[in-house]
Amino acid sequence: MARLDRLGPVAKDVAQKGAVIGREFGYDVLALIASQSQPRLREALDRLTSAGLLFVRGTPPQSSYISNDHARKSSLAAHGGDRADHHTQP
């Protein structure tokens, strides 16, 4: 949370609303629920992507975002699963 706090209150609010939507979300959906102007929303998303907390595909308003944690897990799964999976399988 401290890493997110350093990005400022707007970025933190946007990250929390994105998390409510899900691990992957579109700019258009986020814009509907965000209580920020378009420029502030885009700035917050830029901060989150620059910090490595989100990955972006496309450009707003046609962009979609994926959480870094989800992207990491997807990448691990593509390469044989994560460590937790190895411990739970016989």
N, C-alpha and C. Protein backbone atom coordinates (compact mmCIF):
# COMPACT_ATOMS: atom_id res chain seq x y z
N MET A 1 0.80 -1.18 0.00
CA MET A 1 0.00 0.00 0.00
C MET A 1 0.86 1.26 0.00
N ALA A 2 2.03 1.20 0.63
CA ALA A 2 2.88 2.38 0.69
C ALA A 2 3.30 2.83 -0.71
N ARG A 3 3.56 1.86 -1.57
CA ARG A 3 3.95 2.18 -2.94
C ARG A 3 2.82 2.94 -3.64
N LEU A 4 1.61 2.52 -3.41
CA LEU A 4 0.44 3.18 -3.99
C LEU A 4 0.22 4.55 -3.37
N ASP A 5 0.44 4.67 -2.09
CA ASP A 5 0.28 5.96 -1.41
C ASP A 5 1.23 7.02 -1.96
N ARG A 6 2.41 6.61 -2.37
CA ARG A 6 3.40 7.57 -2.91
C ARG A 6 2.96 8.17 -4.24
N LEU A 7 2.02 7.52 -4.91
CA LEU A 7 1.56 8.02 -6.21
C LEU A 7 0.50 9.11 -6.08
N GLY A 8 0.01 9.33 -4.88
CA GLY A 8 -0.95 10.39 -4.64
C GLY A 8 -2.37 9.87 -4.50
N PRO A 9 -3.25 10.71 -3.95
CA PRO A 9 -4.61 10.28 -3.66
C PRO A 9 -5.46 9.97 -4.90
N VAL A 10 -5.24 10.69 -5.97
CA VAL A 10 -6.03 10.44 -7.19
C VAL A 10 -5.66 9.08 -7.78
N ALA A 11 -4.36 8.80 -7.88
CA ALA A 11 -3.92 7.51 -8.41
C ALA A 11 -4.39 6.37 -7.50
N LYS A 12 -4.34 6.58 -6.21
CA LYS A 12 -4.80 5.55 -5.27
C LYS A 12 -6.30 5.29 -5.46
N ASP A 13 -7.08 6.35 -5.60
CA ASP A 13 -8.52 6.22 -5.81
C ASP A 13 -8.81 5.47 -7.11
N VAL A 14 -8.10 5.82 -8.16
CA VAL A 14 -8.29 5.17 -9.46
C VAL A 14 -7.90 3.69 -9.37
N ALA A 15 -6.81 3.38 -8.69
CA ALA A 15 -6.38 1.99 -8.53
C ALA A 15 -7.42 1.19 -7.76
N GLN A 16 -7.97 1.77 -6.71
CA GLN A 16 -8.99 1.08 -5.92
C GLN A 16 -10.25 0.83 -6.74
N LYS A 17 -10.66 1.80 -7.53
CA LYS A 17 -11.86 1.62 -8.36
C LYS A 17 -11.59 0.60 -9.46
N GLY A 18 -10.40 0.59 -10.01
CA GLY A 18 -10.04 -0.42 -10.99
C GLY A 18 -10.08 -1.81 -10.38
N ALA A 19 -9.61 -1.93 -9.14
CA ALA A 19 -9.61 -3.22 -8.46
C ALA A 19 -11.03 -3.72 -8.22
N VAL A 20 -11.95 -2.80 -7.99
CA VAL A 20 -13.35 -3.19 -7.81
C VAL A 20 -13.91 -3.77 -9.10
N ILE A 21 -13.52 -3.19 -10.24
CA ILE A 21 -13.99 -3.69 -11.54
C ILE A 21 -13.44 -5.09 -11.78
N GLY A 22 -12.15 -5.27 -11.53
CA GLY A 22 -11.54 -6.59 -11.74
C GLY A 22 -10.08 -6.46 -12.10
N ARG A 23 -9.47 -7.60 -12.35
CA ARG A 23 -8.04 -7.64 -12.67
C ARG A 23 -7.72 -6.98 -14.01
N GLU A 24 -8.70 -6.99 -14.88
CA GLU A 24 -8.54 -6.35 -16.18
C GLU A 24 -9.78 -5.50 -16.43
N PHE A 25 -9.58 -4.28 -16.89
CA PHE A 25 -10.71 -3.39 -17.09
C PHE A 25 -10.42 -2.41 -18.21
N GLY A 26 -11.48 -1.93 -18.81
CA GLY A 26 -11.36 -0.96 -19.89
C GLY A 26 -11.42 0.47 -19.37
N TYR A 27 -10.79 1.35 -20.09
CA TYR A 27 -10.80 2.77 -19.73
C TYR A 27 -12.23 3.29 -19.66
N ASP A 28 -13.06 2.88 -20.63
CA ASP A 28 -14.43 3.39 -20.69
C ASP A 28 -15.23 3.02 -19.45
N VAL A 29 -15.05 1.81 -18.93
CA VAL A 29 -15.77 1.40 -17.72
C VAL A 29 -15.26 2.17 -16.52
N LEU A 30 -13.95 2.30 -16.41
CA LEU A 30 -13.36 3.05 -15.30
C LEU A 30 -13.82 4.50 -15.32
N ALA A 31 -13.87 5.10 -16.50
CA ALA A 31 -14.28 6.50 -16.61
C ALA A 31 -15.71 6.71 -16.12
N LEU A 32 -16.55 5.68 -16.27
CA LEU A 32 -17.94 5.79 -15.81
C LEU A 32 -18.05 5.88 -14.29
N ILE A 33 -17.16 5.20 -13.58
CA ILE A 33 -17.27 5.19 -12.12
C ILE A 33 -16.26 6.10 -11.43
N ALA A 34 -15.27 6.55 -12.15
CA ALA A 34 -14.25 7.42 -11.54
C ALA A 34 -14.85 8.80 -11.29
N SER A 35 -14.50 9.35 -10.17
CA SER A 35 -14.98 10.70 -9.84
C SER A 35 -13.91 11.73 -10.19
N GLN A 36 -13.27 11.53 -11.34
CA GLN A 36 -12.18 12.39 -11.79
C GLN A 36 -12.47 12.90 -13.19
N SER A 37 -11.92 14.05 -13.51
CA SER A 37 -12.01 14.56 -14.88
C SER A 37 -11.17 13.66 -15.79
N GLN A 38 -11.41 13.70 -17.08
CA GLN A 38 -10.64 12.89 -18.03
C GLN A 38 -9.14 13.14 -17.91
N PRO A 39 -8.69 14.39 -17.86
CA PRO A 39 -7.24 14.62 -17.74
C PRO A 39 -6.65 14.04 -16.44
N ARG A 40 -7.37 14.19 -15.33
CA ARG A 40 -6.87 13.65 -14.06
C ARG A 40 -6.88 12.12 -14.06
N LEU A 41 -7.90 11.54 -14.68
CA LEU A 41 -7.97 10.08 -14.78
C LEU A 41 -6.80 9.55 -15.60
N ARG A 42 -6.54 10.18 -16.73
CA ARG A 42 -5.43 9.75 -17.58
C ARG A 42 -4.09 9.92 -16.88
N GLU A 43 -3.93 11.02 -16.15
CA GLU A 43 -2.68 11.24 -15.41
C GLU A 43 -2.50 10.16 -14.34
N ALA A 44 -3.56 9.83 -13.64
CA ALA A 44 -3.48 8.79 -12.61
C ALA A 44 -3.13 7.44 -13.23
N LEU A 45 -3.75 7.11 -14.34
CA LEU A 45 -3.44 5.84 -15.02
C LEU A 45 -2.00 5.83 -15.52
N ASP A 46 -1.52 6.96 -16.00
CA ASP A 46 -0.12 7.06 -16.43
C ASP A 46 0.82 6.81 -15.24
N ARG A 47 0.49 7.36 -14.09
CA ARG A 47 1.32 7.15 -12.90
C ARG A 47 1.33 5.68 -12.50
N LEU A 48 0.16 5.05 -12.56
CA LEU A 48 0.06 3.64 -12.18
C LEU A 48 0.82 2.75 -13.16
N THR A 49 0.76 3.07 -14.45
CA THR A 49 1.50 2.26 -15.42
C THR A 49 3.00 2.52 -15.31
N SER A 50 3.39 3.77 -15.09
CA SER A 50 4.82 4.10 -14.94
C SER A 50 5.42 3.43 -13.71
N ALA A 51 4.60 3.27 -12.68
CA ALA A 51 5.07 2.61 -11.45
C ALA A 51 5.07 1.09 -11.58
N GLY A 52 4.55 0.58 -12.69
CA GLY A 52 4.52 -0.86 -12.89
C GLY A 52 3.37 -1.58 -12.20
N LEU A 53 2.39 -0.82 -11.71
CA LEU A 53 1.25 -1.44 -11.04
C LEU A 53 0.17 -1.87 -12.02
N LEU A 54 0.15 -1.26 -13.19
CA LEU A 54 -0.79 -1.62 -14.25
C LEU A 54 -0.04 -1.72 -15.56
N PHE A 55 -0.55 -2.55 -16.44
CA PHE A 55 -0.07 -2.60 -17.81
C PHE A 55 -1.22 -2.10 -18.69
N VAL A 56 -0.89 -1.43 -19.76
CA VAL A 56 -1.92 -0.87 -20.63
C VAL A 56 -1.80 -1.46 -22.03
N ARG A 57 -2.96 -1.66 -22.65
CA ARG A 57 -3.03 -2.06 -24.05
C ARG A 57 -3.88 -1.01 -24.75
N GLY A 58 -3.36 -0.42 -25.81
CA GLY A 58 -4.09 0.59 -26.55
C GLY A 58 -3.93 1.97 -25.95
N THR A 59 -4.70 2.91 -26.48
CA THR A 59 -4.68 4.28 -25.98
C THR A 59 -6.10 4.70 -25.62
N PRO A 60 -6.24 5.48 -24.55
CA PRO A 60 -7.58 5.92 -24.15
C PRO A 60 -8.27 6.68 -25.28
N PRO A 61 -9.52 6.51 -25.44
CA PRO A 61 -10.46 5.77 -24.60
C PRO A 61 -10.64 4.31 -25.01
N GLN A 62 -9.86 3.80 -25.94
CA GLN A 62 -9.97 2.40 -26.35
C GLN A 62 -9.01 1.48 -25.61
N SER A 63 -8.42 1.96 -24.56
CA SER A 63 -7.41 1.18 -23.85
C SER A 63 -8.03 0.23 -22.83
N SER A 64 -7.26 -0.78 -22.48
CA SER A 64 -7.62 -1.66 -21.38
C SER A 64 -6.39 -1.78 -20.48
N TYR A 65 -6.66 -2.07 -19.23
CA TYR A 65 -5.61 -2.13 -18.22
C TYR A 65 -5.67 -3.48 -17.53
N ILE A 66 -4.51 -3.97 -17.16
CA ILE A 66 -4.41 -5.24 -16.46
C ILE A 66 -3.49 -5.02 -15.25
N SER A 67 -3.89 -5.57 -14.12
CA SER A 67 -3.08 -5.38 -12.91
C SER A 67 -1.77 -6.12 -13.05
N ASN A 68 -0.74 -5.59 -12.49
CA ASN A 68 0.59 -6.19 -12.55
C ASN A 68 0.55 -7.58 -11.93
N ASP A 69 -0.16 -7.74 -10.83
CA ASP A 69 -0.25 -9.04 -10.17
C ASP A 69 -0.89 -10.08 -11.08
N HIS A 70 -1.97 -9.70 -11.76
CA HIS A 70 -2.64 -10.63 -12.67
C HIS A 70 -1.73 -10.98 -13.85
N ALA A 71 -1.04 -9.98 -14.38
CA ALA A 71 -0.13 -10.23 -15.50
C ALA A 71 1.00 -11.16 -15.08
N ARG A 72 1.51 -10.97 -13.88
CA ARG A 72 2.58 -11.83 -13.36
C ARG A 72 2.10 -13.27 -13.22
N LYS A 73 0.91 -13.44 -12.66
CA LYS A 73 0.37 -14.79 -12.49
C LYS A 73 0.10 -15.45 -13.84
N SER A 74 -0.39 -14.68 -14.81
CA SER A 74 -0.64 -15.23 -16.14
C SER A 74 0.66 -15.67 -16.78
N SER A 75 1.70 -14.87 -16.61
CA SER A 75 3.00 -15.21 -17.18
C SER A 75 3.56 -16.47 -16.52
N LEU A 76 3.43 -16.57 -15.20
CA LEU A 76 3.92 -17.75 -14.49
C LEU A 76 3.15 -18.99 -14.93
N ALA A 77 1.85 -18.86 -15.07
CA ALA A 77 1.03 -19.99 -15.48
C ALA A 77 1.44 -20.47 -16.87
N ALA A 78 1.78 -19.55 -17.74
CA ALA A 78 2.20 -19.91 -19.09
C ALA A 78 3.54 -20.63 -19.08
N HIS A 79 4.30 -20.43 -18.00
CA HIS A 79 5.62 -21.06 -17.89
C HIS A 79 5.64 -22.16 -16.83
N GLY A 80 4.51 -22.78 -16.56
CA GLY A 80 4.50 -23.92 -15.65
C GLY A 80 3.91 -23.68 -14.29
N GLY A 81 3.27 -22.55 -14.06
CA GLY A 81 2.61 -22.30 -12.78
C GLY A 81 3.50 -21.59 -11.79
N ASP A 82 2.86 -21.11 -10.71
CA ASP A 82 3.65 -20.44 -9.70
C ASP A 82 4.03 -21.41 -8.58
N ARG A 83 4.79 -20.95 -7.63
CA ARG A 83 5.31 -21.82 -6.59
C ARG A 83 4.19 -22.43 -5.76
N ALA A 84 3.14 -21.68 -5.50
CA ALA A 84 2.02 -22.20 -4.71
C ALA A 84 1.39 -23.40 -5.40
N ASP A 85 1.29 -23.33 -6.73
CA ASP A 85 0.72 -24.45 -7.49
C ASP A 85 1.57 -25.70 -7.31
N HIS A 86 2.87 -25.56 -7.30
CA HIS A 86 3.76 -26.70 -7.18
C HIS A 86 3.63 -27.36 -5.81
N HIS A 87 3.33 -26.57 -4.78
CA HIS A 87 3.20 -27.12 -3.44
C HIS A 87 1.88 -27.83 -3.23
N THR A 88 0.86 -27.50 -3.99
CA THR A 88 -0.45 -28.10 -3.77
C THR A 88 -0.71 -29.30 -4.68
N GLN A 89 0.12 -29.52 -5.68
CA GLN A 89 -0.07 -30.64 -6.58
C GLN A 89 0.73 -31.83 -6.10
N PRO A 90 0.15 -33.05 -6.19
CA PRO A 90 0.89 -34.25 -5.74
C PRO A 90 2.05 -34.58 -6.65
